Structure formats: C-alpha cells, structure tokens
PDB file of N, CA and C in Angstrom:
ATOM      1  N   MET A   1       7.731   9.892   1.895  1.00  0.00           N
ATOM      2  CA  MET A   1       6.390   9.502   2.167  1.00  0.00           C
ATOM      3  C   MET A   1       5.991   9.902   3.585  1.00  0.00           C
ATOM      4  N   ARG A   2       6.914   9.754   4.515  1.00  0.00           N
ATOM      5  CA  ARG A   2       6.606  10.131   5.900  1.00  0.00           C
ATOM      6  C   ARG A   2       6.187  11.599   5.982  1.00  0.00           C
ATOM      7  N   ALA A   3       6.886  12.458   5.263  1.00  0.00           N
ATOM      8  CA  ALA A   3       6.563  13.891   5.284  1.00  0.00           C
ATOM      9  C   ALA A   3       5.171  14.138   4.714  1.00  0.00           C
ATOM     10  N   MET A   4       4.833  13.446   3.657  1.00  0.00           N
ATOM     11  CA  MET A   4       3.492  13.607   3.073  1.00  0.00           C
ATOM     12  C   MET A   4       2.420  13.172   4.068  1.00  0.00           C
ATOM     13  N   LEU A   5       2.649  12.041   4.713  1.00  0.00           N
ATOM     14  CA  LEU A   5       1.688  11.557   5.701  1.00  0.00           C
ATOM     15  C   LEU A   5       1.594  12.509   6.886  1.00  0.00           C
ATOM     16  N   ASP A   6       2.730  13.072   7.300  1.00  0.00           N
ATOM     17  CA  ASP A   6       2.732  14.036   8.400  1.00  0.00           C
ATOM     18  C   ASP A   6       1.929  15.285   8.053  1.00  0.00           C
ATOM     19  N   ARG A   7       1.882  15.629   6.760  1.00  0.00           N
ATOM     20  CA  ARG A   7       1.127  16.806   6.311  1.00  0.00           C
ATOM     21  C   ARG A   7      -0.335  16.488   6.014  1.00  0.00           C
ATOM     22  N   GLY A   8      -0.747  15.237   6.277  1.00  0.00           N
ATOM     23  CA  GLY A   8      -2.155  14.912   6.130  1.00  0.00           C
ATOM     24  C   GLY A   8      -2.531  14.074   4.919  1.00  0.00           C
ATOM     25  N   PHE A   9      -1.554  13.580   4.171  1.00  0.00           N
ATOM     26  CA  PHE A   9      -1.862  12.733   3.028  1.00  0.00           C
ATOM     27  C   PHE A   9      -2.629  11.501   3.499  1.00  0.00           C
ATOM     28  N   ASP A  10      -3.693  11.170   2.803  1.00  0.00           N
ATOM     29  CA  ASP A  10      -4.533  10.024   3.152  1.00  0.00           C
ATOM     30  C   ASP A  10      -3.868   8.723   2.694  1.00  0.00           C
ATOM     31  N   PRO A  11      -3.508   7.821   3.614  1.00  0.00           N
ATOM     32  CA  PRO A  11      -2.859   6.576   3.229  1.00  0.00           C
ATOM     33  C   PRO A  11      -3.777   5.649   2.426  1.00  0.00           C
ATOM     34  N   ASN A  12      -5.057   5.993   2.341  1.00  0.00           N
ATOM     35  CA  ASN A  12      -6.012   5.210   1.556  1.00  0.00           C
ATOM     36  C   ASN A  12      -6.489   5.964   0.316  1.00  0.00           C
ATOM     37  N   ALA A  13      -5.774   7.023  -0.062  1.00  0.00           N
ATOM     38  CA  ALA A  13      -6.117   7.760  -1.274  1.00  0.00           C
ATOM     39  C   ALA A  13      -6.065   6.790  -2.449  1.00  0.00           C
ATOM     40  N   LYS A  14      -6.704   7.159  -3.552  1.00  0.00           N
ATOM     41  CA  LYS A  14      -6.679   6.266  -4.710  1.00  0.00           C
ATOM     42  C   LYS A  14      -6.638   7.055  -6.008  1.00  0.00           C
ATOM     43  N   THR A  15      -6.123   6.391  -7.025  1.00  0.00           N
ATOM     44  CA  THR A  15      -6.140   6.961  -8.369  1.00  0.00           C
ATOM     45  C   THR A  15      -7.522   6.707  -8.973  1.00  0.00           C
ATOM     46  N   ALA A  16      -7.744   7.188 -10.179  1.00  0.00           N
ATOM     47  CA  ALA A  16      -9.025   6.985 -10.846  1.00  0.00           C
ATOM     48  C   ALA A  16      -9.354   5.500 -11.013  1.00  0.00           C
ATOM     49  N   ARG A  17      -8.328   4.654 -11.112  1.00  0.00           N
ATOM     50  CA  ARG A  17      -8.548   3.215 -11.280  1.00  0.00           C
ATOM     51  C   ARG A  17      -8.411   2.455  -9.957  1.00  0.00           C
ATOM     52  N   GLY A  18      -8.316   3.174  -8.865  1.00  0.00           N
ATOM     53  CA  GLY A  18      -8.345   2.545  -7.555  1.00  0.00           C
ATOM     54  C   GLY A  18      -7.012   2.106  -6.991  1.00  0.00           C
ATOM     55  N   THR A  19      -5.914   2.472  -7.637  1.00  0.00           N
ATOM     56  CA  THR A  19      -4.599   2.117  -7.095  1.00  0.00           C
ATOM     57  C   THR A  19      -4.352   2.919  -5.828  1.00  0.00           C
ATOM     58  N   ARG A  20      -3.919   2.242  -4.785  1.00  0.00           N
ATOM     59  CA  ARG A  20      -3.695   2.851  -3.475  1.00  0.00           C
ATOM     60  C   ARG A  20      -2.204   2.980  -3.198  1.00  0.00           C
ATOM     61  N   PRO A  21      -1.801   3.886  -2.298  1.00  0.00           N
ATOM     62  CA  PRO A  21      -0.389   4.011  -1.939  1.00  0.00           C
ATOM     63  C   PRO A  21       0.224   2.692  -1.476  1.00  0.00           C
ATOM     64  N   LEU A  22      -0.530   1.905  -0.754  1.00  0.00           N
ATOM     65  CA  LEU A  22      -0.025   0.630  -0.266  1.00  0.00           C
ATOM     66  C   LEU A  22       0.329  -0.303  -1.426  1.00  0.00           C
ATOM     67  N   MET A  23      -0.433  -0.237  -2.484  1.00  0.00           N
ATOM     68  CA  MET A  23      -0.148  -1.044  -3.675  1.00  0.00           C
ATOM     69  C   MET A  23       1.122  -0.552  -4.358  1.00  0.00           C
ATOM     70  N   ALA A  24       1.258   0.759  -4.457  1.00  0.00           N
ATOM     71  CA  ALA A  24       2.438   1.335  -5.107  1.00  0.00           C
ATOM     72  C   ALA A  24       3.703   1.065  -4.306  1.00  0.00           C
ATOM     73  N   ALA A  25       3.575   0.943  -3.002  1.00  0.00           N
ATOM     74  CA  ALA A  25       4.732   0.734  -2.121  1.00  0.00           C
ATOM     75  C   ALA A  25       5.013  -0.742  -1.868  1.00  0.00           C
ATOM     76  N   ALA A  26       4.274  -1.625  -2.491  1.00  0.00           N
ATOM     77  CA  ALA A  26       4.338  -3.051  -2.166  1.00  0.00           C
ATOM     78  C   ALA A  26       5.736  -3.656  -2.297  1.00  0.00           C
ATOM     79  N   GLY A  27       6.599  -3.068  -3.084  1.00  0.00           N
ATOM     80  CA  GLY A  27       7.952  -3.582  -3.229  1.00  0.00           C
ATOM     81  C   GLY A  27       8.921  -3.101  -2.168  1.00  0.00           C
ATOM     82  N   ASP A  28       8.460  -2.259  -1.255  1.00  0.00           N
ATOM     83  CA  ASP A  28       9.320  -1.655  -0.237  1.00  0.00           C
ATOM     84  C   ASP A  28       8.711  -1.887   1.149  1.00  0.00           C
ATOM     85  N   VAL A  29       9.273  -2.831   1.883  1.00  0.00           N
ATOM     86  CA  VAL A  29       8.708  -3.238   3.168  1.00  0.00           C
ATOM     87  C   VAL A  29       8.610  -2.075   4.150  1.00  0.00           C
ATOM     88  N   ALA A  30       9.607  -1.207   4.187  1.00  0.00           N
ATOM     89  CA  ALA A  30       9.580  -0.074   5.126  1.00  0.00           C
ATOM     90  C   ALA A  30       8.402   0.847   4.826  1.00  0.00           C
ATOM     91  N   LYS A  31       8.136   1.097   3.557  1.00  0.00           N
ATOM     92  CA  LYS A  31       7.005   1.952   3.185  1.00  0.00           C
ATOM     93  C   LYS A  31       5.682   1.268   3.496  1.00  0.00           C
ATOM     94  N   VAL A  32       5.617  -0.030   3.268  1.00  0.00           N
ATOM     95  CA  VAL A  32       4.404  -0.784   3.597  1.00  0.00           C
ATOM     96  C   VAL A  32       4.115  -0.662   5.094  1.00  0.00           C
ATOM     97  N   ARG A  33       5.120  -0.865   5.912  1.00  0.00           N
ATOM     98  CA  ARG A  33       4.932  -0.758   7.372  1.00  0.00           C
ATOM     99  C   ARG A  33       4.490   0.644   7.775  1.00  0.00           C
ATOM    100  N   LEU A  34       5.127   1.654   7.177  1.00  0.00           N
ATOM    101  CA  LEU A  34       4.766   3.035   7.486  1.00  0.00           C
ATOM    102  C   LEU A  34       3.304   3.302   7.139  1.00  0.00           C
ATOM    103  N   LEU A  35       2.895   2.894   5.949  1.00  0.00           N
ATOM    104  CA  LEU A  35       1.513   3.121   5.527  1.00  0.00           C
ATOM    105  C   LEU A  35       0.527   2.375   6.429  1.00  0.00           C
ATOM    106  N   LEU A  36       0.852   1.146   6.778  1.00  0.00           N
ATOM    107  CA  LEU A  36      -0.027   0.394   7.675  1.00  0.00           C
ATOM    108  C   LEU A  36      -0.108   1.046   9.046  1.00  0.00           C
ATOM    109  N   ASP A  37       1.037   1.527   9.542  1.00  0.00           N
ATOM    110  CA  ASP A  37       1.057   2.222  10.836  1.00  0.00           C
ATOM    111  C   ASP A  37       0.216   3.491  10.807  1.00  0.00           C
ATOM    112  N   ARG A  38       0.087   4.085   9.617  1.00  0.00           N
ATOM    113  CA  ARG A  38      -0.673   5.331   9.481  1.00  0.00           C
ATOM    114  C   ARG A  38      -2.108   5.109   9.047  1.00  0.00           C
ATOM    115  N   GLY A  39      -2.551   3.859   9.028  1.00  0.00           N
ATOM    116  CA  GLY A  39      -3.962   3.583   8.783  1.00  0.00           C
ATOM    117  C   GLY A  39      -4.337   3.069   7.410  1.00  0.00           C
ATOM    118  N   ALA A  40      -3.366   2.691   6.596  1.00  0.00           N
ATOM    119  CA  ALA A  40      -3.705   2.131   5.290  1.00  0.00           C
ATOM    120  C   ALA A  40      -4.514   0.857   5.476  1.00  0.00           C
ATOM    121  N   ASP A  41      -5.541   0.703   4.675  1.00  0.00           N
ATOM    122  CA  ASP A  41      -6.438  -0.453   4.770  1.00  0.00           C
ATOM    123  C   ASP A  41      -5.960  -1.537   3.813  1.00  0.00           C
ATOM    124  N   LEU A  42      -5.520  -2.635   4.359  1.00  0.00           N
ATOM    125  CA  LEU A  42      -4.956  -3.741   3.598  1.00  0.00           C
ATOM    126  C   LEU A  42      -5.994  -4.447   2.733  1.00  0.00           C
ATOM    127  N   THR A  43      -7.268  -4.258   3.009  1.00  0.00           N
ATOM    128  CA  THR A  43      -8.309  -5.000   2.295  1.00  0.00           C
ATOM    129  C   THR A  43      -8.808  -4.311   1.034  1.00  0.00           C
ATOM    130  N   LEU A  44      -8.417  -3.067   0.805  1.00  0.00           N
ATOM    131  CA  LEU A  44      -8.913  -2.325  -0.359  1.00  0.00           C
ATOM    132  C   LEU A  44      -8.337  -2.892  -1.649  1.00  0.00           C
ATOM    133  N   ARG A  45      -9.117  -2.839  -2.712  1.00  0.00           N
ATOM    134  CA  ARG A  45      -8.695  -3.365  -4.012  1.00  0.00           C
ATOM    135  C   ARG A  45      -8.829  -2.300  -5.087  1.00  0.00           C
ATOM    136  N   ALA A  46      -8.008  -2.425  -6.107  1.00  0.00           N
ATOM    137  CA  ALA A  46      -8.080  -1.543  -7.272  1.00  0.00           C
ATOM    138  C   ALA A  46      -9.224  -2.015  -8.177  1.00  0.00           C
ATOM    139  N   ALA A  47      -9.535  -1.249  -9.204  1.00  0.00           N
ATOM    140  CA  ALA A  47     -10.581  -1.635 -10.150  1.00  0.00           C
ATOM    141  C   ALA A  47     -10.264  -2.979 -10.798  1.00  0.00           C
ATOM    142  N   SER A  48      -8.992  -3.312 -10.902  1.00  0.00           N
ATOM    143  CA  SER A  48      -8.565  -4.588 -11.488  1.00  0.00           C
ATOM    144  C   SER A  48      -8.879  -5.778 -10.584  1.00  0.00           C
ATOM    145  N   GLY A  49      -9.200  -5.495  -9.321  1.00  0.00           N
ATOM    146  CA  GLY A  49      -9.448  -6.550  -8.352  1.00  0.00           C
ATOM    147  C   GLY A  49      -8.227  -6.892  -7.518  1.00  0.00           C
ATOM    148  N   TYR A  50      -7.077  -6.288  -7.862  1.00  0.00           N
ATOM    149  CA  TYR A  50      -5.847  -6.573  -7.128  1.00  0.00           C
ATOM    150  C   TYR A  50      -5.822  -5.840  -5.797  1.00  0.00           C
ATOM    151  N   SER A  51      -5.302  -6.528  -4.791  1.00  0.00           N
ATOM    152  CA  SER A  51      -5.098  -5.931  -3.469  1.00  0.00           C
ATOM    153  C   SER A  51      -3.606  -5.654  -3.289  1.00  0.00           C
ATOM    154  N   ALA A  52      -3.256  -4.982  -2.210  1.00  0.00           N
ATOM    155  CA  ALA A  52      -1.848  -4.722  -1.916  1.00  0.00           C
ATOM    156  C   ALA A  52      -1.092  -6.028  -1.683  1.00  0.00           C
ATOM    157  N   LEU A  53      -1.741  -6.999  -1.054  1.00  0.00           N
ATOM    158  CA  LEU A  53      -1.083  -8.284  -0.827  1.00  0.00           C
ATOM    159  C   LEU A  53      -0.764  -8.984  -2.141  1.00  0.00           C
ATOM    160  N   MET A  54      -1.681  -8.923  -3.079  1.00  0.00           N
ATOM    161  CA  MET A  54      -1.447  -9.539  -4.382  1.00  0.00           C
ATOM    162  C   MET A  54      -0.297  -8.840  -5.106  1.00  0.00           C
ATOM    163  N   THR A  55      -0.252  -7.523  -4.991  1.00  0.00           N
ATOM    164  CA  THR A  55       0.815  -6.754  -5.623  1.00  0.00           C
ATOM    165  C   THR A  55       2.158  -7.096  -5.003  1.00  0.00           C
ATOM    166  N   ALA A  56       2.225  -7.180  -3.684  1.00  0.00           N
ATOM    167  CA  ALA A  56       3.473  -7.538  -3.000  1.00  0.00           C
ATOM    168  C   ALA A  56       3.940  -8.921  -3.432  1.00  0.00           C
ATOM    169  N   ALA A  57       3.008  -9.836  -3.562  1.00  0.00           N
ATOM    170  CA  ALA A  57       3.366 -11.190  -3.996  1.00  0.00           C
ATOM    171  C   ALA A  57       3.934 -11.173  -5.413  1.00  0.00           C
ATOM    172  N   GLN A  58       3.397 -10.331  -6.280  1.00  0.00           N
ATOM    173  CA  GLN A  58       3.919 -10.213  -7.643  1.00  0.00           C
ATOM    174  C   GLN A  58       5.340  -9.684  -7.646  1.00  0.00           C
ATOM    175  N   TYR A  59       5.658  -8.804  -6.711  1.00  0.00           N
ATOM    176  CA  TYR A  59       7.013  -8.275  -6.591  1.00  0.00           C
ATOM    177  C   TYR A  59       7.957  -9.319  -6.011  1.00  0.00           C
ATOM    178  N   GLY A  60       7.398 -10.437  -5.540  1.00  0.00           N
ATOM    179  CA  GLY A  60       8.210 -11.450  -4.893  1.00  0.00           C
ATOM    180  C   GLY A  60       8.633 -11.045  -3.492  1.00  0.00           C
ATOM    181  N   ARG A  61       7.909 -10.127  -2.884  1.00  0.00           N
ATOM    182  CA  ARG A  61       8.245  -9.607  -1.558  1.00  0.00           C
ATOM    183  C   ARG A  61       7.511 -10.387  -0.493  1.00  0.00           C
ATOM    184  N   ASN A  62       7.952 -11.611  -0.262  1.00  0.00           N
ATOM    185  CA  ASN A  62       7.336 -12.426   0.778  1.00  0.00           C
ATOM    186  C   ASN A  62       7.444 -11.756   2.141  1.00  0.00           C
ATOM    187  N   ASP A  63       8.506 -10.986   2.352  1.00  0.00           N
ATOM    188  CA  ASP A  63       8.655 -10.296   3.633  1.00  0.00           C
ATOM    189  C   ASP A  63       7.538  -9.282   3.852  1.00  0.00           C
ATOM    190  N   ALA A  64       7.063  -8.655   2.791  1.00  0.00           N
ATOM    191  CA  ALA A  64       5.963  -7.699   2.919  1.00  0.00           C
ATOM    192  C   ALA A  64       4.643  -8.419   3.126  1.00  0.00           C
ATOM    193  N   VAL A  65       4.510  -9.587   2.535  1.00  0.00           N
ATOM    194  CA  VAL A  65       3.269 -10.354   2.634  1.00  0.00           C
ATOM    195  C   VAL A  65       3.142 -11.027   3.990  1.00  0.00           C
ATOM    196  N   LEU A  66       4.248 -11.542   4.508  1.00  0.00           N
ATOM    197  CA  LEU A  66       4.203 -12.350   5.719  1.00  0.00           C
ATOM    198  C   LEU A  66       4.322 -11.559   7.004  1.00  0.00           C
ATOM    199  N   ASP A  67       4.809 -10.347   6.963  1.00  0.00           N
ATOM    200  CA  ASP A  67       4.997  -9.576   8.202  1.00  0.00           C
ATOM    201  C   ASP A  67       3.708  -9.076   8.774  1.00  0.00           C
TER     202      ASP A  67
END
C-alpha cells in the first residue's frame, strides 16, 4: 500500500458503492495509520452509510478505533 500511495494513489478513492481504502484496511492498524497519515478522510461513508470507524468496530479492532 505504501508503494501505491507513493505513486500517487488517492487515499480517499472509492468504489462504485463508496467503499474507501480506509474501510478496506480497517482490520489492519498499520494500514489505517498509513492511510490517515497520507490524508485519508475518516468521516467519509460508503453508500451503505458505514464509515471506516464502524467497519473497524465490526472487525473488533478497538485498537484501530481508539488510536
């Protein structure tokens, strides 16, 4: 992921249904931190209404939610 971001990948890119990289990485604290450091917006939501914080909580990753 770091290499993609270094090449210009948008940390706030989205799929057709609004899923963001931060949501996909919600189970991996290191990736969450990297995306946030590179400008990922924690407030964005998918078409379902879910945010990255909600996704992290579903994974049971309190460390990602609380950090």
